[in-house]
PDB file of N, CA and C in Angstrom:
ATOM      1  N   MET A   1     -18.838   4.489   6.269  1.00  0.00           N
ATOM      2  CA  MET A   1     -17.817   3.825   7.035  1.00  0.00           C
ATOM      3  C   MET A   1     -16.502   4.578   6.869  1.00  0.00           C
ATOM      4  N   TYR A   2     -15.781   4.734   7.933  1.00  0.00           N
ATOM      5  CA  TYR A   2     -14.528   5.462   7.965  1.00  0.00           C
ATOM      6  C   TYR A   2     -13.417   4.450   8.257  1.00  0.00           C
ATOM      7  N   THR A   3     -12.490   4.282   7.332  1.00  0.00           N
ATOM      8  CA  THR A   3     -11.436   3.282   7.526  1.00  0.00           C
ATOM      9  C   THR A   3     -10.059   3.936   7.537  1.00  0.00           C
ATOM     10  N   LEU A   4      -9.259   3.520   8.487  1.00  0.00           N
ATOM     11  CA  LEU A   4      -7.877   3.967   8.591  1.00  0.00           C
ATOM     12  C   LEU A   4      -7.010   2.772   8.983  1.00  0.00           C
ATOM     13  N   THR A   5      -5.752   2.814   8.602  1.00  0.00           N
ATOM     14  CA  THR A   5      -4.812   1.810   9.065  1.00  0.00           C
ATOM     15  C   THR A   5      -4.376   2.190  10.480  1.00  0.00           C
ATOM     16  N   PRO A   6      -3.745   1.283  11.208  1.00  0.00           N
ATOM     17  CA  PRO A   6      -3.305   1.620  12.576  1.00  0.00           C
ATOM     18  C   PRO A   6      -2.381   2.840  12.651  1.00  0.00           C
ATOM     19  N   ASP A   7      -1.557   3.039  11.613  1.00  0.00           N
ATOM     20  CA  ASP A   7      -0.664   4.202  11.621  1.00  0.00           C
ATOM     21  C   ASP A   7      -1.245   5.386  10.834  1.00  0.00           C
ATOM     22  N   GLU A   8      -2.463   5.230  10.349  1.00  0.00           N
ATOM     23  CA  GLU A   8      -3.219   6.258   9.629  1.00  0.00           C
ATOM     24  C   GLU A   8      -2.620   6.634   8.271  1.00  0.00           C
ATOM     25  N   ASP A   9      -1.733   5.805   7.730  1.00  0.00           N
ATOM     26  CA  ASP A   9      -1.227   5.980   6.375  1.00  0.00           C
ATOM     27  C   ASP A   9      -1.899   4.969   5.455  1.00  0.00           C
ATOM     28  N   PHE A  10      -1.837   5.217   4.179  1.00  0.00           N
ATOM     29  CA  PHE A  10      -2.490   4.351   3.200  1.00  0.00           C
ATOM     30  C   PHE A  10      -1.761   3.021   3.062  1.00  0.00           C
ATOM     31  N   ILE A  11      -2.433   2.073   2.441  1.00  0.00           N
ATOM     32  CA  ILE A  11      -1.812   0.841   1.979  1.00  0.00           C
ATOM     33  C   ILE A  11      -1.895   0.854   0.462  1.00  0.00           C
ATOM     34  N   ILE A  12      -0.744   0.756  -0.189  1.00  0.00           N
ATOM     35  CA  ILE A  12      -0.668   0.626  -1.643  1.00  0.00           C
ATOM     36  C   ILE A  12       0.402  -0.430  -1.898  1.00  0.00           C
ATOM     37  N   ASP A  13      -0.025  -1.631  -2.266  1.00  0.00           N
ATOM     38  CA  ASP A  13       0.925  -2.730  -2.370  1.00  0.00           C
ATOM     39  C   ASP A  13       0.304  -3.885  -3.132  1.00  0.00           C
ATOM     40  N   LEU A  14       1.137  -4.827  -3.500  1.00  0.00           N
ATOM     41  CA  LEU A  14       0.648  -6.080  -4.058  1.00  0.00           C
ATOM     42  C   LEU A  14       0.391  -7.041  -2.910  1.00  0.00           C
ATOM     43  N   HIS A  15      -0.573  -7.921  -3.091  1.00  0.00           N
ATOM     44  CA  HIS A  15      -0.880  -8.937  -2.083  1.00  0.00           C
ATOM     45  C   HIS A  15       0.362  -9.798  -1.879  1.00  0.00           C
ATOM     46  N   PRO A  16       0.707 -10.128  -0.640  1.00  0.00           N
ATOM     47  CA  PRO A  16       1.934 -10.887  -0.397  1.00  0.00           C
ATOM     48  C   PRO A  16       1.928 -12.305  -0.975  1.00  0.00           C
ATOM     49  N   ASN A  17       0.759 -12.901  -1.149  1.00  0.00           N
ATOM     50  CA  ASN A  17       0.681 -14.264  -1.669  1.00  0.00           C
ATOM     51  C   ASN A  17       0.187 -14.351  -3.105  1.00  0.00           C
ATOM     52  N   TYR A  18      -0.425 -13.296  -3.595  1.00  0.00           N
ATOM     53  CA  TYR A  18      -1.002 -13.289  -4.941  1.00  0.00           C
ATOM     54  C   TYR A  18      -0.539 -12.021  -5.665  1.00  0.00           C
ATOM     55  N   SER A  19       0.515 -12.139  -6.437  1.00  0.00           N
ATOM     56  CA  SER A  19       1.112 -10.962  -7.068  1.00  0.00           C
ATOM     57  C   SER A  19       0.224 -10.334  -8.133  1.00  0.00           C
ATOM     58  N   ASN A  20      -0.867 -11.006  -8.484  1.00  0.00           N
ATOM     59  CA  ASN A  20      -1.803 -10.434  -9.453  1.00  0.00           C
ATOM     60  C   ASN A  20      -2.916  -9.636  -8.777  1.00  0.00           C
ATOM     61  N   VAL A  21      -2.818  -9.444  -7.462  1.00  0.00           N
ATOM     62  CA  VAL A  21      -3.826  -8.695  -6.700  1.00  0.00           C
ATOM     63  C   VAL A  21      -3.162  -7.469  -6.082  1.00  0.00           C
ATOM     64  N   ALA A  22      -3.651  -6.294  -6.441  1.00  0.00           N
ATOM     65  CA  ALA A  22      -3.153  -5.044  -5.857  1.00  0.00           C
ATOM     66  C   ALA A  22      -4.111  -4.584  -4.765  1.00  0.00           C
ATOM     67  N   ILE A  23      -3.554  -3.981  -3.736  1.00  0.00           N
ATOM     68  CA  ILE A  23      -4.345  -3.498  -2.603  1.00  0.00           C
ATOM     69  C   ILE A  23      -4.118  -2.001  -2.447  1.00  0.00           C
ATOM     70  N   ALA A  24      -5.206  -1.270  -2.332  1.00  0.00           N
ATOM     71  CA  ALA A  24      -5.165   0.158  -2.024  1.00  0.00           C
ATOM     72  C   ALA A  24      -6.282   0.398  -1.012  1.00  0.00           C
ATOM     73  N   ALA A  25      -5.906   0.820   0.194  1.00  0.00           N
ATOM     74  CA  ALA A  25      -6.899   0.940   1.265  1.00  0.00           C
ATOM     75  C   ALA A  25      -6.472   1.996   2.280  1.00  0.00           C
ATOM     76  N   GLY A  26      -7.409   2.328   3.156  1.00  0.00           N
ATOM     77  CA  GLY A  26      -7.142   3.250   4.251  1.00  0.00           C
ATOM     78  C   GLY A  26      -7.163   4.714   3.855  1.00  0.00           C
ATOM     79  N   PHE A  27      -8.032   5.079   2.931  1.00  0.00           N
ATOM     80  CA  PHE A  27      -8.033   6.442   2.398  1.00  0.00           C
ATOM     81  C   PHE A  27      -9.073   7.358   3.030  1.00  0.00           C
ATOM     82  N   SER A  28      -9.758   6.906   4.046  1.00  0.00           N
ATOM     83  CA  SER A  28     -10.810   7.727   4.638  1.00  0.00           C
ATOM     84  C   SER A  28     -10.260   9.047   5.167  1.00  0.00           C
ATOM     85  N   GLY A  29     -11.070  10.050   5.041  1.00  0.00           N
ATOM     86  CA  GLY A  29     -10.700  11.357   5.559  1.00  0.00           C
ATOM     87  C   GLY A  29     -10.059  12.259   4.533  1.00  0.00           C
ATOM     88  N   HIS A  30      -8.876  11.902   4.042  1.00  0.00           N
ATOM     89  CA  HIS A  30      -8.174  12.786   3.119  1.00  0.00           C
ATOM     90  C   HIS A  30      -7.663  12.074   1.869  1.00  0.00           C
ATOM     91  N   GLY A  31      -8.008  10.843   1.685  1.00  0.00           N
ATOM     92  CA  GLY A  31      -7.516  10.079   0.543  1.00  0.00           C
ATOM     93  C   GLY A  31      -7.947  10.601  -0.810  1.00  0.00           C
ATOM     94  N   PHE A  32      -9.117  11.223  -0.876  1.00  0.00           N
ATOM     95  CA  PHE A  32      -9.618  11.727  -2.160  1.00  0.00           C
ATOM     96  C   PHE A  32      -8.652  12.720  -2.787  1.00  0.00           C
ATOM     97  N   LYS A  33      -7.892  13.407  -1.966  1.00  0.00           N
ATOM     98  CA  LYS A  33      -6.944  14.403  -2.481  1.00  0.00           C
ATOM     99  C   LYS A  33      -5.792  13.760  -3.246  1.00  0.00           C
ATOM    100  N   PHE A  34      -5.572  12.481  -3.004  1.00  0.00           N
ATOM    101  CA  PHE A  34      -4.453  11.778  -3.617  1.00  0.00           C
ATOM    102  C   PHE A  34      -4.898  10.794  -4.697  1.00  0.00           C
ATOM    103  N   SER A  35      -6.165  10.870  -5.092  1.00  0.00           N
ATOM    104  CA  SER A  35      -6.707   9.851  -5.999  1.00  0.00           C
ATOM    105  C   SER A  35      -5.971   9.772  -7.333  1.00  0.00           C
ATOM    106  N   SER A  36      -5.567  10.875  -7.909  1.00  0.00           N
ATOM    107  CA  SER A  36      -4.872  10.815  -9.198  1.00  0.00           C
ATOM    108  C   SER A  36      -3.487  10.188  -9.053  1.00  0.00           C
ATOM    109  N   ALA A  37      -2.756  10.529  -8.006  1.00  0.00           N
ATOM    110  CA  ALA A  37      -1.427   9.944  -7.777  1.00  0.00           C
ATOM    111  C   ALA A  37      -1.528   8.463  -7.434  1.00  0.00           C
ATOM    112  N   VAL A  38      -2.509   8.094  -6.623  1.00  0.00           N
ATOM    113  CA  VAL A  38      -2.710   6.693  -6.272  1.00  0.00           C
ATOM    114  C   VAL A  38      -3.104   5.899  -7.508  1.00  0.00           C
ATOM    115  N   GLY A  39      -3.979   6.450  -8.328  1.00  0.00           N
ATOM    116  CA  GLY A  39      -4.374   5.773  -9.568  1.00  0.00           C
ATOM    117  C   GLY A  39      -3.194   5.541 -10.491  1.00  0.00           C
ATOM    118  N   GLN A  40      -2.342   6.527 -10.622  1.00  0.00           N
ATOM    119  CA  GLN A  40      -1.151   6.383 -11.463  1.00  0.00           C
ATOM    120  C   GLN A  40      -0.218   5.314 -10.889  1.00  0.00           C
ATOM    121  N   ALA A  41       0.037   5.357  -9.597  1.00  0.00           N
ATOM    122  CA  ALA A  41       0.924   4.378  -8.967  1.00  0.00           C
ATOM    123  C   ALA A  41       0.357   2.968  -9.091  1.00  0.00           C
ATOM    124  N   LEU A  42      -0.948   2.811  -8.875  1.00  0.00           N
ATOM    125  CA  LEU A  42      -1.574   1.491  -9.002  1.00  0.00           C
ATOM    126  C   LEU A  42      -1.508   0.969 -10.429  1.00  0.00           C
ATOM    127  N   SER A  43      -1.754   1.825 -11.391  1.00  0.00           N
ATOM    128  CA  SER A  43      -1.707   1.359 -12.780  1.00  0.00           C
ATOM    129  C   SER A  43      -0.295   0.921 -13.146  1.00  0.00           C
ATOM    130  N   GLN A  44       0.723   1.662 -12.702  1.00  0.00           N
ATOM    131  CA  GLN A  44       2.102   1.254 -12.956  1.00  0.00           C
ATOM    132  C   GLN A  44       2.430  -0.053 -12.241  1.00  0.00           C
ATOM    133  N   LEU A  45       1.994  -0.179 -11.001  1.00  0.00           N
ATOM    134  CA  LEU A  45       2.239  -1.374 -10.210  1.00  0.00           C
ATOM    135  C   LEU A  45       1.609  -2.600 -10.858  1.00  0.00           C
ATOM    136  N   ILE A  46       0.379  -2.461 -11.325  1.00  0.00           N
ATOM    137  CA  ILE A  46      -0.344  -3.581 -11.933  1.00  0.00           C
ATOM    138  C   ILE A  46       0.235  -3.943 -13.294  1.00  0.00           C
ATOM    139  N   LEU A  47       0.545  -2.945 -14.104  1.00  0.00           N
ATOM    140  CA  LEU A  47       1.006  -3.211 -15.462  1.00  0.00           C
ATOM    141  C   LEU A  47       2.462  -3.672 -15.541  1.00  0.00           C
ATOM    142  N   SER A  48       3.324  -3.120 -14.699  1.00  0.00           N
ATOM    143  CA  SER A  48       4.748  -3.436 -14.826  1.00  0.00           C
ATOM    144  C   SER A  48       5.399  -3.963 -13.550  1.00  0.00           C
ATOM    145  N   GLY A  49       4.717  -3.857 -12.424  1.00  0.00           N
ATOM    146  CA  GLY A  49       5.312  -4.265 -11.159  1.00  0.00           C
ATOM    147  C   GLY A  49       6.288  -3.248 -10.610  1.00  0.00           C
ATOM    148  N   GLN A  50       6.398  -2.102 -11.276  1.00  0.00           N
ATOM    149  CA  GLN A  50       7.299  -1.031 -10.853  1.00  0.00           C
ATOM    150  C   GLN A  50       6.521   0.277 -10.858  1.00  0.00           C
ATOM    151  N   TYR A  51       7.094   1.307 -10.251  1.00  0.00           N
ATOM    152  CA  TYR A  51       6.409   2.587 -10.173  1.00  0.00           C
ATOM    153  C   TYR A  51       7.437   3.700 -10.094  1.00  0.00           C
ATOM    154  N   ASP A  52       7.011   4.898 -10.464  1.00  0.00           N
ATOM    155  CA  ASP A  52       7.903   6.061 -10.516  1.00  0.00           C
ATOM    156  C   ASP A  52       8.207   6.653  -9.144  1.00  0.00           C
ATOM    157  N   ILE A  53       7.297   6.476  -8.198  1.00  0.00           N
ATOM    158  CA  ILE A  53       7.498   7.067  -6.874  1.00  0.00           C
ATOM    159  C   ILE A  53       7.761   5.972  -5.846  1.00  0.00           C
ATOM    160  N   ASP A  54       8.355   6.323  -4.744  1.00  0.00           N
ATOM    161  CA  ASP A  54       8.664   5.370  -3.678  1.00  0.00           C
ATOM    162  C   ASP A  54       7.393   5.053  -2.897  1.00  0.00           C
ATOM    163  N   LEU A  55       6.913   3.825  -3.031  1.00  0.00           N
ATOM    164  CA  LEU A  55       5.705   3.410  -2.316  1.00  0.00           C
ATOM    165  C   LEU A  55       6.024   2.619  -1.043  1.00  0.00           C
ATOM    166  N   SER A  56       7.282   2.496  -0.689  1.00  0.00           N
ATOM    167  CA  SER A  56       7.642   1.701   0.490  1.00  0.00           C
ATOM    168  C   SER A  56       6.968   2.173   1.785  1.00  0.00           C
ATOM    169  N   PRO A  57       6.706   3.469   1.982  1.00  0.00           N
ATOM    170  CA  PRO A  57       5.995   3.860   3.205  1.00  0.00           C
ATOM    171  C   PRO A  57       4.559   3.333   3.266  1.00  0.00           C
ATOM    172  N   PHE A  58       4.045   2.857   2.144  1.00  0.00           N
ATOM    173  CA  PHE A  58       2.662   2.387   2.081  1.00  0.00           C
ATOM    174  C   PHE A  58       2.563   0.867   1.956  1.00  0.00           C
ATOM    175  N   SER A  59       3.667   0.157   2.157  1.00  0.00           N
ATOM    176  CA  SER A  59       3.670  -1.290   1.981  1.00  0.00           C
ATOM    177  C   SER A  59       2.965  -1.991   3.135  1.00  0.00           C
ATOM    178  N   LEU A  60       2.474  -3.183   2.850  1.00  0.00           N
ATOM    179  CA  LEU A  60       1.827  -3.991   3.879  1.00  0.00           C
ATOM    180  C   LEU A  60       2.810  -4.474   4.935  1.00  0.00           C
ATOM    181  N   ASN A  61       4.051  -4.698   4.542  1.00  0.00           N
ATOM    182  CA  ASN A  61       4.995  -5.295   5.494  1.00  0.00           C
ATOM    183  C   ASN A  61       5.372  -4.355   6.635  1.00  0.00           C
ATOM    184  N   ARG A  62       4.949  -3.114   6.602  1.00  0.00           N
ATOM    185  CA  ARG A  62       5.232  -2.230   7.737  1.00  0.00           C
ATOM    186  C   ARG A  62       4.453  -2.651   8.983  1.00  0.00           C
ATOM    187  N   PHE A  63       3.452  -3.516   8.801  1.00  0.00           N
ATOM    188  CA  PHE A  63       2.681  -4.022   9.931  1.00  0.00           C
ATOM    189  C   PHE A  63       3.189  -5.374  10.420  1.00  0.00           C
ATOM    190  N   THR A  64       4.230  -5.912   9.780  1.00  0.00           N
ATOM    191  CA  THR A  64       4.808  -7.186  10.183  1.00  0.00           C
ATOM    192  C   THR A  64       5.782  -6.944  11.319  1.00  0.00           C
ATOM    193  N   LYS A  65       5.684  -7.773  12.333  1.00  0.00           N
ATOM    194  CA  LYS A  65       6.577  -7.628  13.475  1.00  0.00           C
ATOM    195  C   LYS A  65       7.925  -8.263  13.153  1.00  0.00           C
ATOM    196  N   HIS A  66       8.988  -7.558  13.495  1.00  0.00           N
ATOM    197  CA  HIS A  66      10.345  -8.035  13.270  1.00  0.00           C
ATOM    198  C   HIS A  66      11.046  -8.169  14.624  1.00  0.00           C
ATOM    199  N   ASP A  67      11.859  -9.177  14.733  1.00  0.00           N
ATOM    200  CA  ASP A  67      12.757  -9.279  15.880  1.00  0.00           C
ATOM    201  C   ASP A  67      14.088  -9.826  15.383  1.00  0.00           C
ATOM    202  N   GLU A  68      15.009 -10.039  16.309  1.00  0.00           N
ATOM    203  CA  GLU A  68      16.341 -10.495  15.904  1.00  0.00           C
ATOM    204  C   GLU A  68      16.336 -11.885  15.269  1.00  0.00           C
ATOM    205  N   LYS A  69      15.259 -12.659  15.473  1.00  0.00           N
ATOM    206  CA  LYS A  69      15.170 -14.005  14.905  1.00  0.00           C
ATOM    207  C   LYS A  69      14.479 -14.014  13.549  1.00  0.00           C
ATOM    208  N   GLY A  70      13.870 -12.914  13.170  1.00  0.00           N
ATOM    209  CA  GLY A  70      13.193 -12.860  11.878  1.00  0.00           C
ATOM    210  C   GLY A  70      11.851 -12.176  11.959  1.00  0.00           C
ATOM    211  N   ILE A  71      10.982 -12.544  11.036  1.00  0.00           N
ATOM    212  CA  ILE A  71       9.657 -11.941  10.916  1.00  0.00           C
ATOM    213  C   ILE A  71       8.623 -12.924  11.419  1.00  0.00           C
ATOM    214  N   TYR A  72       7.632 -12.430  12.129  1.00  0.00           N
ATOM    215  CA  TYR A  72       6.523 -13.278  12.563  1.00  0.00           C
ATOM    216  C   TYR A  72       5.217 -12.548  12.496  1.00  0.00           C
TER     217      TYR A  72
END
């Protein structure tokens, strides 16, 4: 099975409703090349809730629609 996100970037984030659940997905094709960096970021995220690198491009909320009234 080949999985990609709609924008073809990875997801590396905590679950929005369950902060004890980490999500890492969408690595098909070239994700194996980043396995050591993703593993390090996930371990930091799980253990401390913080990480050394900027993971904002991989957040789940990039798929949330925004308008002038808020998020939906």
